[in-house]
Amino acid sequence: MNNKHNVNLNTNTEIMLIDINPKLPMRNKNVTKDFYIKQLGFQEIGDYEGYLMVQKHKIEIHFFEFKELDPKENYGQVYIRTNNIANFYQLLLDNETSIHPNGKLETKPWGQKEFSILDPDNNLLTFGQSI
């Protein structure tokens, strides 16, 4: 991208990016809400026509309605860091949350302990902790 005005965006200390909230597709708001609240312990913070917002601790995820979504062709992904991945993993297992078949808790070569799950629309949620 061409910066026509030669403004250095790296030195402006008055403007800071402070958070990021992924937006993922959902086919059915009630199914999505049920999964994130009952399976993962999120709380609903916004429910609007065609739009849902959930939060757990400092993590906020937004969902937009996409009724025609083919879950087999959904590549939505989000990486969520946690401070106690082993306990969180065990809590999900105890809650009978399905872990992705290729996403069991393991240490990765890039220095992260990770596991993954799929939501009802095949959005991949990877949870990680630096080791």
N, C-alpha and C. Protein backbone atom coordinates (compact mmCIF):
# COMPACT_ATOMS: atom_id res chain seq x y z
N MET A 1 0.84 -1.17 0.00
CA MET A 1 0.00 0.00 0.00
C MET A 1 0.89 1.24 0.00
N ASN A 2 0.51 2.24 -0.74
CA ASN A 2 1.30 3.45 -0.90
C ASN A 2 0.84 4.52 0.10
N ASN A 3 1.78 5.04 0.86
CA ASN A 3 1.50 6.11 1.82
C ASN A 3 1.76 7.44 1.12
N LYS A 4 0.74 8.04 0.54
CA LYS A 4 0.87 9.25 -0.28
C LYS A 4 1.38 10.46 0.50
N HIS A 5 1.09 10.51 1.77
CA HIS A 5 1.39 11.72 2.55
C HIS A 5 2.67 11.59 3.37
N ASN A 6 3.34 10.47 3.27
CA ASN A 6 4.59 10.23 4.00
C ASN A 6 4.45 10.47 5.50
N VAL A 7 3.32 10.06 6.05
CA VAL A 7 3.08 10.16 7.49
C VAL A 7 3.66 8.91 8.14
N ASN A 8 4.44 9.09 9.18
CA ASN A 8 5.01 7.95 9.88
C ASN A 8 4.01 7.47 10.93
N LEU A 9 3.33 6.39 10.63
CA LEU A 9 2.29 5.87 11.53
C LEU A 9 2.89 5.17 12.74
N ASN A 10 4.18 4.92 12.74
CA ASN A 10 4.83 4.23 13.85
C ASN A 10 5.20 5.15 15.00
N THR A 11 5.22 6.45 14.78
CA THR A 11 5.69 7.37 15.82
C THR A 11 4.57 8.14 16.52
N ASN A 12 3.34 7.99 16.09
CA ASN A 12 2.23 8.70 16.71
C ASN A 12 1.88 8.02 18.03
N THR A 13 2.20 8.67 19.14
CA THR A 13 1.95 8.07 20.46
C THR A 13 0.59 8.45 21.03
N GLU A 14 -0.15 9.31 20.35
CA GLU A 14 -1.48 9.70 20.82
C GLU A 14 -2.54 8.67 20.45
N ILE A 15 -2.25 7.87 19.44
CA ILE A 15 -3.20 6.87 18.98
C ILE A 15 -2.59 5.50 19.20
N MET A 16 -3.33 4.66 19.92
CA MET A 16 -2.85 3.31 20.19
C MET A 16 -3.94 2.30 19.84
N LEU A 17 -3.56 1.20 19.26
CA LEU A 17 -4.48 0.08 19.09
C LEU A 17 -4.50 -0.66 20.41
N ILE A 18 -5.68 -0.88 20.98
CA ILE A 18 -5.74 -1.39 22.35
C ILE A 18 -6.38 -2.77 22.49
N ASP A 19 -7.02 -3.27 21.47
CA ASP A 19 -7.69 -4.56 21.61
C ASP A 19 -8.01 -5.10 20.23
N ILE A 20 -8.28 -6.38 20.15
CA ILE A 20 -8.72 -6.99 18.91
C ILE A 20 -9.84 -7.97 19.24
N ASN A 21 -10.90 -7.92 18.47
CA ASN A 21 -12.05 -8.79 18.68
C ASN A 21 -12.39 -9.48 17.37
N PRO A 22 -12.11 -10.77 17.28
CA PRO A 22 -12.41 -11.45 16.02
C PRO A 22 -13.91 -11.49 15.73
N LYS A 23 -14.24 -11.49 14.45
CA LYS A 23 -15.63 -11.64 13.99
C LYS A 23 -15.69 -12.95 13.21
N LEU A 24 -16.49 -13.87 13.70
CA LEU A 24 -16.60 -15.19 13.09
C LEU A 24 -18.02 -15.41 12.56
N PRO A 25 -18.16 -16.23 11.53
CA PRO A 25 -19.50 -16.51 11.00
C PRO A 25 -20.27 -17.49 11.88
N MET A 26 -21.59 -17.33 11.89
CA MET A 26 -22.47 -18.28 12.60
C MET A 26 -23.71 -18.50 11.73
N ARG A 27 -24.19 -19.73 11.74
CA ARG A 27 -25.42 -20.04 11.00
C ARG A 27 -26.65 -19.81 11.86
N ASN A 28 -26.57 -20.17 13.13
CA ASN A 28 -27.71 -20.12 14.03
C ASN A 28 -27.27 -19.49 15.35
N LYS A 29 -27.79 -18.33 15.64
CA LYS A 29 -27.37 -17.59 16.83
C LYS A 29 -27.61 -18.38 18.12
N ASN A 30 -28.74 -19.06 18.24
CA ASN A 30 -29.04 -19.80 19.46
C ASN A 30 -28.06 -20.94 19.69
N VAL A 31 -27.70 -21.64 18.62
CA VAL A 31 -26.74 -22.74 18.72
C VAL A 31 -25.36 -22.20 19.12
N THR A 32 -24.95 -21.11 18.47
CA THR A 32 -23.66 -20.49 18.78
C THR A 32 -23.62 -20.01 20.22
N LYS A 33 -24.65 -19.30 20.63
CA LYS A 33 -24.72 -18.77 22.00
C LYS A 33 -24.66 -19.91 23.01
N ASP A 34 -25.42 -20.96 22.78
CA ASP A 34 -25.46 -22.11 23.67
C ASP A 34 -24.07 -22.74 23.81
N PHE A 35 -23.37 -22.91 22.70
CA PHE A 35 -22.05 -23.52 22.73
C PHE A 35 -21.06 -22.68 23.53
N TYR A 36 -20.98 -21.40 23.22
CA TYR A 36 -19.98 -20.56 23.87
C TYR A 36 -20.29 -20.34 25.35
N ILE A 37 -21.55 -20.28 25.72
CA ILE A 37 -21.91 -20.07 27.12
C ILE A 37 -21.82 -21.38 27.91
N LYS A 38 -22.44 -22.44 27.42
CA LYS A 38 -22.49 -23.69 28.19
C LYS A 38 -21.23 -24.53 28.09
N GLN A 39 -20.59 -24.55 26.93
CA GLN A 39 -19.40 -25.39 26.76
C GLN A 39 -18.11 -24.68 27.15
N LEU A 40 -18.04 -23.36 26.93
CA LEU A 40 -16.78 -22.65 27.15
C LEU A 40 -16.83 -21.63 28.28
N GLY A 41 -18.01 -21.36 28.83
CA GLY A 41 -18.11 -20.45 29.97
C GLY A 41 -18.10 -18.97 29.64
N PHE A 42 -18.41 -18.62 28.40
CA PHE A 42 -18.51 -17.20 28.03
C PHE A 42 -19.82 -16.63 28.54
N GLN A 43 -19.92 -15.30 28.54
CA GLN A 43 -21.16 -14.60 28.87
C GLN A 43 -21.59 -13.79 27.66
N GLU A 44 -22.88 -13.70 27.47
CA GLU A 44 -23.40 -12.87 26.39
C GLU A 44 -23.27 -11.40 26.79
N ILE A 45 -22.71 -10.59 25.88
CA ILE A 45 -22.62 -9.15 26.16
C ILE A 45 -23.35 -8.33 25.10
N GLY A 46 -23.87 -8.99 24.07
CA GLY A 46 -24.63 -8.27 23.05
C GLY A 46 -25.35 -9.24 22.14
N ASP A 47 -26.63 -9.00 21.92
CA ASP A 47 -27.45 -9.85 21.04
C ASP A 47 -28.31 -8.92 20.19
N TYR A 48 -27.98 -8.84 18.92
CA TYR A 48 -28.67 -7.95 17.99
C TYR A 48 -29.11 -8.77 16.78
N GLU A 49 -29.94 -8.20 15.96
CA GLU A 49 -30.38 -8.90 14.77
C GLU A 49 -29.17 -9.25 13.90
N GLY A 50 -28.94 -10.56 13.75
CA GLY A 50 -27.84 -11.02 12.91
C GLY A 50 -26.46 -10.85 13.50
N TYR A 51 -26.37 -10.56 14.80
CA TYR A 51 -25.07 -10.29 15.41
C TYR A 51 -25.08 -10.72 16.88
N LEU A 52 -23.98 -11.33 17.32
CA LEU A 52 -23.85 -11.81 18.70
C LEU A 52 -22.46 -11.45 19.21
N MET A 53 -22.39 -11.09 20.50
CA MET A 53 -21.11 -10.79 21.14
C MET A 53 -21.04 -11.56 22.46
N VAL A 54 -19.91 -12.25 22.67
CA VAL A 54 -19.70 -12.99 23.92
C VAL A 54 -18.34 -12.59 24.50
N GLN A 55 -18.21 -12.81 25.82
CA GLN A 55 -16.97 -12.42 26.49
C GLN A 55 -16.65 -13.41 27.59
N LYS A 56 -15.36 -13.67 27.78
CA LYS A 56 -14.86 -14.45 28.91
C LYS A 56 -13.55 -13.81 29.33
N HIS A 57 -13.50 -13.33 30.55
CA HIS A 57 -12.36 -12.58 31.06
C HIS A 57 -12.07 -11.41 30.12
N LYS A 58 -10.89 -11.35 29.52
CA LYS A 58 -10.55 -10.23 28.63
C LYS A 58 -10.80 -10.56 27.16
N ILE A 59 -11.34 -11.72 26.88
CA ILE A 59 -11.56 -12.17 25.50
C ILE A 59 -12.99 -11.85 25.07
N GLU A 60 -13.12 -11.19 23.94
CA GLU A 60 -14.42 -10.87 23.37
C GLU A 60 -14.45 -11.39 21.93
N ILE A 61 -15.50 -12.13 21.59
CA ILE A 61 -15.65 -12.65 20.23
C ILE A 61 -17.00 -12.19 19.70
N HIS A 62 -17.00 -11.71 18.46
CA HIS A 62 -18.22 -11.28 17.79
C HIS A 62 -18.56 -12.29 16.71
N PHE A 63 -19.85 -12.43 16.44
CA PHE A 63 -20.34 -13.35 15.41
C PHE A 63 -21.33 -12.63 14.52
N PHE A 64 -21.21 -12.87 13.23
CA PHE A 64 -22.15 -12.31 12.27
C PHE A 64 -22.93 -13.45 11.63
N GLU A 65 -24.19 -13.20 11.36
CA GLU A 65 -25.06 -14.23 10.79
C GLU A 65 -24.67 -14.53 9.35
N PHE A 66 -24.52 -15.82 9.06
CA PHE A 66 -24.20 -16.30 7.71
C PHE A 66 -24.93 -17.64 7.56
N LYS A 67 -26.24 -17.56 7.32
CA LYS A 67 -27.09 -18.75 7.31
C LYS A 67 -26.68 -19.76 6.24
N GLU A 68 -26.11 -19.28 5.14
CA GLU A 68 -25.76 -20.16 4.03
C GLU A 68 -24.37 -20.77 4.20
N LEU A 69 -23.71 -20.52 5.30
CA LEU A 69 -22.35 -21.02 5.53
C LEU A 69 -22.31 -22.54 5.43
N ASP A 70 -21.39 -23.05 4.65
CA ASP A 70 -21.11 -24.49 4.62
C ASP A 70 -19.96 -24.73 5.59
N PRO A 71 -20.22 -25.36 6.74
CA PRO A 71 -19.16 -25.53 7.74
C PRO A 71 -17.91 -26.21 7.19
N LYS A 72 -18.08 -27.07 6.19
CA LYS A 72 -16.91 -27.75 5.61
C LYS A 72 -16.01 -26.78 4.85
N GLU A 73 -16.55 -25.62 4.51
CA GLU A 73 -15.76 -24.63 3.78
C GLU A 73 -15.48 -23.38 4.62
N ASN A 74 -15.64 -23.50 5.92
CA ASN A 74 -15.38 -22.37 6.81
C ASN A 74 -13.94 -22.46 7.31
N TYR A 75 -13.19 -21.40 7.10
CA TYR A 75 -11.80 -21.35 7.54
C TYR A 75 -11.61 -20.34 8.66
N GLY A 76 -12.70 -19.97 9.35
CA GLY A 76 -12.59 -19.04 10.48
C GLY A 76 -11.72 -19.63 11.58
N GLN A 77 -10.79 -18.83 12.06
CA GLN A 77 -9.88 -19.29 13.11
C GLN A 77 -9.57 -18.15 14.06
N VAL A 78 -9.33 -18.49 15.31
CA VAL A 78 -8.89 -17.50 16.29
C VAL A 78 -7.94 -18.21 17.27
N TYR A 79 -6.91 -17.49 17.68
CA TYR A 79 -5.93 -18.01 18.63
C TYR A 79 -6.13 -17.26 19.94
N ILE A 80 -6.35 -18.00 21.01
CA ILE A 80 -6.64 -17.41 22.32
C ILE A 80 -5.58 -17.85 23.32
N ARG A 81 -4.92 -16.89 23.92
CA ARG A 81 -3.91 -17.21 24.94
C ARG A 81 -4.58 -17.36 26.31
N THR A 82 -4.02 -18.27 27.10
CA THR A 82 -4.51 -18.49 28.46
C THR A 82 -3.31 -18.59 29.40
N ASN A 83 -3.55 -18.45 30.68
CA ASN A 83 -2.45 -18.51 31.65
C ASN A 83 -2.34 -19.86 32.34
N ASN A 84 -3.30 -20.76 32.12
CA ASN A 84 -3.26 -22.08 32.76
C ASN A 84 -3.92 -23.09 31.83
N ILE A 85 -3.22 -23.41 30.77
CA ILE A 85 -3.82 -24.21 29.71
C ILE A 85 -4.17 -25.62 30.15
N ALA A 86 -3.35 -26.23 30.99
CA ALA A 86 -3.62 -27.61 31.42
C ALA A 86 -4.93 -27.69 32.19
N ASN A 87 -5.16 -26.76 33.10
CA ASN A 87 -6.40 -26.77 33.87
C ASN A 87 -7.61 -26.45 32.99
N PHE A 88 -7.45 -25.49 32.07
CA PHE A 88 -8.55 -25.15 31.17
C PHE A 88 -8.90 -26.34 30.28
N TYR A 89 -7.89 -27.01 29.77
CA TYR A 89 -8.09 -28.20 28.94
C TYR A 89 -8.87 -29.26 29.72
N GLN A 90 -8.46 -29.50 30.97
CA GLN A 90 -9.14 -30.50 31.79
C GLN A 90 -10.58 -30.10 32.10
N LEU A 91 -10.82 -28.81 32.35
CA LEU A 91 -12.18 -28.34 32.59
C LEU A 91 -13.07 -28.60 31.38
N LEU A 92 -12.54 -28.36 30.18
CA LEU A 92 -13.32 -28.62 28.97
C LEU A 92 -13.60 -30.11 28.81
N LEU A 93 -12.60 -30.94 29.08
CA LEU A 93 -12.83 -32.39 29.02
C LEU A 93 -13.89 -32.81 30.03
N ASP A 94 -13.81 -32.28 31.24
CA ASP A 94 -14.79 -32.60 32.28
C ASP A 94 -16.19 -32.15 31.88
N ASN A 95 -16.27 -31.08 31.08
CA ASN A 95 -17.55 -30.55 30.60
C ASN A 95 -18.00 -31.23 29.31
N GLU A 96 -17.26 -32.26 28.91
CA GLU A 96 -17.55 -33.04 27.70
C GLU A 96 -17.54 -32.19 26.43
N THR A 97 -16.64 -31.21 26.39
CA THR A 97 -16.43 -30.41 25.19
C THR A 97 -15.53 -31.20 24.26
N SER A 98 -15.92 -31.32 23.01
CA SER A 98 -15.14 -32.10 22.04
C SER A 98 -13.87 -31.36 21.66
N ILE A 99 -12.75 -32.05 21.79
CA ILE A 99 -11.45 -31.52 21.37
C ILE A 99 -11.25 -31.94 19.91
N HIS A 100 -10.68 -31.05 19.11
CA HIS A 100 -10.40 -31.36 17.70
C HIS A 100 -9.53 -32.62 17.64
N PRO A 101 -9.84 -33.57 16.73
CA PRO A 101 -9.07 -34.82 16.66
C PRO A 101 -7.56 -34.60 16.47
N ASN A 102 -7.19 -33.53 15.79
CA ASN A 102 -5.77 -33.22 15.59
C ASN A 102 -5.30 -32.11 16.52
N GLY A 103 -6.10 -31.81 17.55
CA GLY A 103 -5.79 -30.67 18.40
C GLY A 103 -5.67 -30.98 19.87
N LYS A 104 -5.24 -32.17 20.21
CA LYS A 104 -5.05 -32.52 21.63
C LYS A 104 -3.98 -31.62 22.25
N LEU A 105 -4.00 -31.47 23.54
CA LEU A 105 -3.03 -30.64 24.25
C LEU A 105 -1.63 -31.19 24.03
N GLU A 106 -0.76 -30.34 23.47
CA GLU A 106 0.63 -30.75 23.25
C GLU A 106 1.52 -29.52 23.13
N THR A 107 2.81 -29.75 23.33
CA THR A 107 3.80 -28.69 23.17
C THR A 107 4.23 -28.63 21.72
N LYS A 108 4.19 -27.44 21.16
CA LYS A 108 4.52 -27.23 19.75
C LYS A 108 5.98 -26.78 19.62
N PRO A 109 6.58 -26.99 18.43
CA PRO A 109 7.98 -26.59 18.23
C PRO A 109 8.22 -25.08 18.39
N TRP A 110 7.17 -24.28 18.28
CA TRP A 110 7.32 -22.82 18.40
C TRP A 110 7.17 -22.34 19.84
N GLY A 111 7.28 -23.25 20.80
CA GLY A 111 7.33 -22.86 22.20
C GLY A 111 5.99 -22.58 22.84
N GLN A 112 4.93 -23.17 22.31
CA GLN A 112 3.59 -22.98 22.86
C GLN A 112 3.01 -24.34 23.22
N LYS A 113 2.26 -24.36 24.30
CA LYS A 113 1.44 -25.52 24.64
C LYS A 113 0.05 -25.18 24.13
N GLU A 114 -0.54 -26.04 23.28
CA GLU A 114 -1.78 -25.69 22.59
C GLU A 114 -2.75 -26.87 22.52
N PHE A 115 -4.02 -26.51 22.35
CA PHE A 115 -5.05 -27.47 21.93
C PHE A 115 -6.09 -26.70 21.14
N SER A 116 -6.92 -27.44 20.39
CA SER A 116 -7.91 -26.80 19.52
C SER A 116 -9.26 -27.48 19.63
N ILE A 117 -10.30 -26.68 19.41
CA ILE A 117 -11.66 -27.19 19.32
C ILE A 117 -12.34 -26.52 18.13
N LEU A 118 -13.43 -27.12 17.69
CA LEU A 118 -14.26 -26.54 16.64
C LEU A 118 -15.60 -26.15 17.24
N ASP A 119 -16.10 -24.97 16.88
CA ASP A 119 -17.43 -24.59 17.32
C ASP A 119 -18.46 -25.19 16.36
N PRO A 120 -19.75 -24.99 16.58
CA PRO A 120 -20.77 -25.62 15.73
C PRO A 120 -20.69 -25.24 14.25
N ASP A 121 -20.00 -24.15 13.93
CA ASP A 121 -19.87 -23.72 12.53
C ASP A 121 -18.50 -24.01 11.96
N ASN A 122 -17.72 -24.82 12.66
CA ASN A 122 -16.36 -25.20 12.26
C ASN A 122 -15.36 -24.06 12.35
N ASN A 123 -15.65 -23.04 13.15
CA ASN A 123 -14.62 -22.05 13.46
C ASN A 123 -13.62 -22.74 14.38
N LEU A 124 -12.34 -22.66 14.03
CA LEU A 124 -11.30 -23.31 14.81
C LEU A 124 -10.83 -22.37 15.92
N LEU A 125 -10.94 -22.84 17.16
CA LEU A 125 -10.46 -22.08 18.32
C LEU A 125 -9.23 -22.80 18.85
N THR A 126 -8.08 -22.15 18.76
CA THR A 126 -6.85 -22.72 19.29
C THR A 126 -6.49 -21.95 20.55
N PHE A 127 -6.30 -22.68 21.63
CA PHE A 127 -5.91 -22.09 22.91
C PHE A 127 -4.44 -22.39 23.13
N GLY A 128 -3.69 -21.38 23.58
CA GLY A 128 -2.25 -21.57 23.75
C GLY A 128 -1.70 -20.85 24.96
N GLN A 129 -0.56 -21.37 25.41
CA GLN A 129 0.18 -20.76 26.52
C GLN A 129 1.66 -20.89 26.21
N SER A 130 2.40 -19.80 26.38
CA SER A 130 3.86 -19.84 26.20
C SER A 130 4.48 -20.70 27.29
N ILE A 131 5.50 -21.45 26.90
CA ILE A 131 6.19 -22.29 27.89
C ILE A 131 7.62 -21.84 28.06
